[in-house]
């Protein structure tokens, strides 16, 4: 029985632009950073001013 000839593999597409993998990954990381909205701060870690400072700010707004 004759051995069938191997089918030729399709030609690999050649890149149109010469872009290094480093530049490609950097552009992906930059695009993700720009398109991701900022996270809200964790309420447990946000420092709140003492009540006396908040009263002082309210009095300052009324005086203005």
C-alpha atoms as a PDB file:
ATOM      1  CA  UNK A   1       0.000   0.000   0.000  1.00  0.00           C
ATOM      2  CA  UNK A   2       1.489   3.349  -0.991  1.00  0.00           C
ATOM      3  CA  UNK A   3       2.248   5.882   1.744  1.00  0.00           C
ATOM      4  CA  UNK A   4       0.217   9.075   1.251  1.00  0.00           C
ATOM      5  CA  UNK A   5       2.223  12.212   0.757  1.00  0.00           C
ATOM      6  CA  UNK A   6       2.022  14.660   3.653  1.00  0.00           C
ATOM      7  CA  UNK A   7      -0.225  17.578   2.964  1.00  0.00           C
ATOM      8  CA  UNK A   8       1.668  20.850   2.737  1.00  0.00           C
ATOM      9  CA  UNK A   9       1.261  23.129   5.709  1.00  0.00           C
ATOM     10  CA  UNK A  10      -0.257  26.520   5.037  1.00  0.00           C
ATOM     11  CA  UNK A  11       2.265  29.328   5.001  1.00  0.00           C
ATOM     12  CA  UNK A  12       2.605  31.160   8.290  1.00  0.00           C
ATOM     13  CA  UNK A  13       1.369  34.715   8.090  1.00  0.00           C
ATOM     14  CA  UNK A  14       4.251  37.127   8.210  1.00  0.00           C
ATOM     15  CA  UNK A  15       4.014  40.146  10.489  1.00  0.00           C
ATOM     16  CA  UNK A  16       3.369  43.420   8.750  1.00  0.00           C
ATOM     17  CA  UNK A  17       5.128  45.526  11.353  1.00  0.00           C
ATOM     18  CA  UNK A  18       8.243  44.601  13.250  1.00  0.00           C
ATOM     19  CA  UNK A  19       7.142  45.036  16.875  1.00  0.00           C
ATOM     20  CA  UNK A  20       9.136  43.506  19.675  1.00  0.00           C
ATOM     21  CA  UNK A  21       7.371  41.359  22.230  1.00  0.00           C
ATOM     22  CA  UNK A  22       8.483  43.812  24.945  1.00  0.00           C
ATOM     23  CA  UNK A  23       6.794  46.724  23.149  1.00  0.00           C
ATOM     24  CA  UNK A  24       3.667  44.676  22.530  1.00  0.00           C
ATOM     25  CA  UNK A  25       3.364  43.694  26.195  1.00  0.00           C
ATOM     26  CA  UNK A  26       4.066  47.260  27.323  1.00  0.00           C
ATOM     27  CA  UNK A  27       1.324  48.611  25.081  1.00  0.00           C
ATOM     28  CA  UNK A  28      -1.133  46.019  26.423  1.00  0.00           C
ATOM     29  CA  UNK A  29      -0.279  46.939  30.010  1.00  0.00           C
ATOM     30  CA  UNK A  30      -0.665  50.645  29.238  1.00  0.00           C
ATOM     31  CA  UNK A  31      -4.019  50.089  27.540  1.00  0.00           C
ATOM     32  CA  UNK A  32      -5.270  48.103  30.525  1.00  0.00           C
ATOM     33  CA  UNK A  33      -4.115  50.773  32.967  1.00  0.00           C
ATOM     34  CA  UNK A  34      -5.857  53.521  31.005  1.00  0.00           C
ATOM     35  CA  UNK A  35      -9.093  51.609  30.472  1.00  0.00           C
ATOM     36  CA  UNK A  36      -9.485  50.359  34.048  1.00  0.00           C
ATOM     37  CA  UNK A  37     -11.384  52.798  36.306  1.00  0.00           C
ATOM     38  CA  UNK A  38      -9.747  53.639  39.624  1.00  0.00           C
ATOM     39  CA  UNK A  39     -10.773  51.549  42.589  1.00  0.00           C
ATOM     40  CA  UNK A  40     -12.662  53.169  45.437  1.00  0.00           C
ATOM     41  CA  UNK A  41     -10.601  53.449  48.605  1.00  0.00           C
ATOM     42  CA  UNK A  42     -11.224  50.932  51.339  1.00  0.00           C
ATOM     43  CA  UNK A  43     -13.305  52.723  54.012  1.00  0.00           C
ATOM     44  CA  UNK A  44     -11.359  50.946  56.761  1.00  0.00           C
ATOM     45  CA  UNK A  45      -8.068  52.463  55.588  1.00  0.00           C
ATOM     46  CA  UNK A  46      -9.266  56.014  54.889  1.00  0.00           C
ATOM     47  CA  UNK A  47      -8.266  58.407  57.671  1.00  0.00           C
ATOM     48  CA  UNK A  48     -11.135  60.583  58.851  1.00  0.00           C
ATOM     49  CA  UNK A  49     -10.407  63.934  60.532  1.00  0.00           C
ATOM     50  CA  UNK A  50     -11.441  64.214  64.168  1.00  0.00           C
ATOM     51  CA  UNK A  51     -14.853  65.731  64.876  1.00  0.00           C
ATOM     52  CA  UNK A  52     -13.272  68.971  66.148  1.00  0.00           C
ATOM     53  CA  UNK A  53     -11.610  69.575  62.766  1.00  0.00           C
ATOM     54  CA  UNK A  54     -14.872  68.916  60.944  1.00  0.00           C
ATOM     55  CA  UNK A  55     -16.660  71.485  63.140  1.00  0.00           C
ATOM     56  CA  UNK A  56     -13.916  74.010  62.455  1.00  0.00           C
ATOM     57  CA  UNK A  57     -14.319  73.541  58.710  1.00  0.00           C
ATOM     58  CA  UNK A  58     -18.102  74.022  58.963  1.00  0.00           C
ATOM     59  CA  UNK A  59     -17.632  77.246  60.959  1.00  0.00           C
ATOM     60  CA  UNK A  60     -15.132  78.450  58.393  1.00  0.00           C
ATOM     61  CA  UNK A  61     -17.635  77.873  55.564  1.00  0.00           C
ATOM     62  CA  UNK A  62     -20.337  79.804  57.450  1.00  0.00           C
ATOM     63  CA  UNK A  63     -17.962  82.728  58.065  1.00  0.00           C
ATOM     64  CA  UNK A  64     -17.147  82.960  54.382  1.00  0.00           C
END
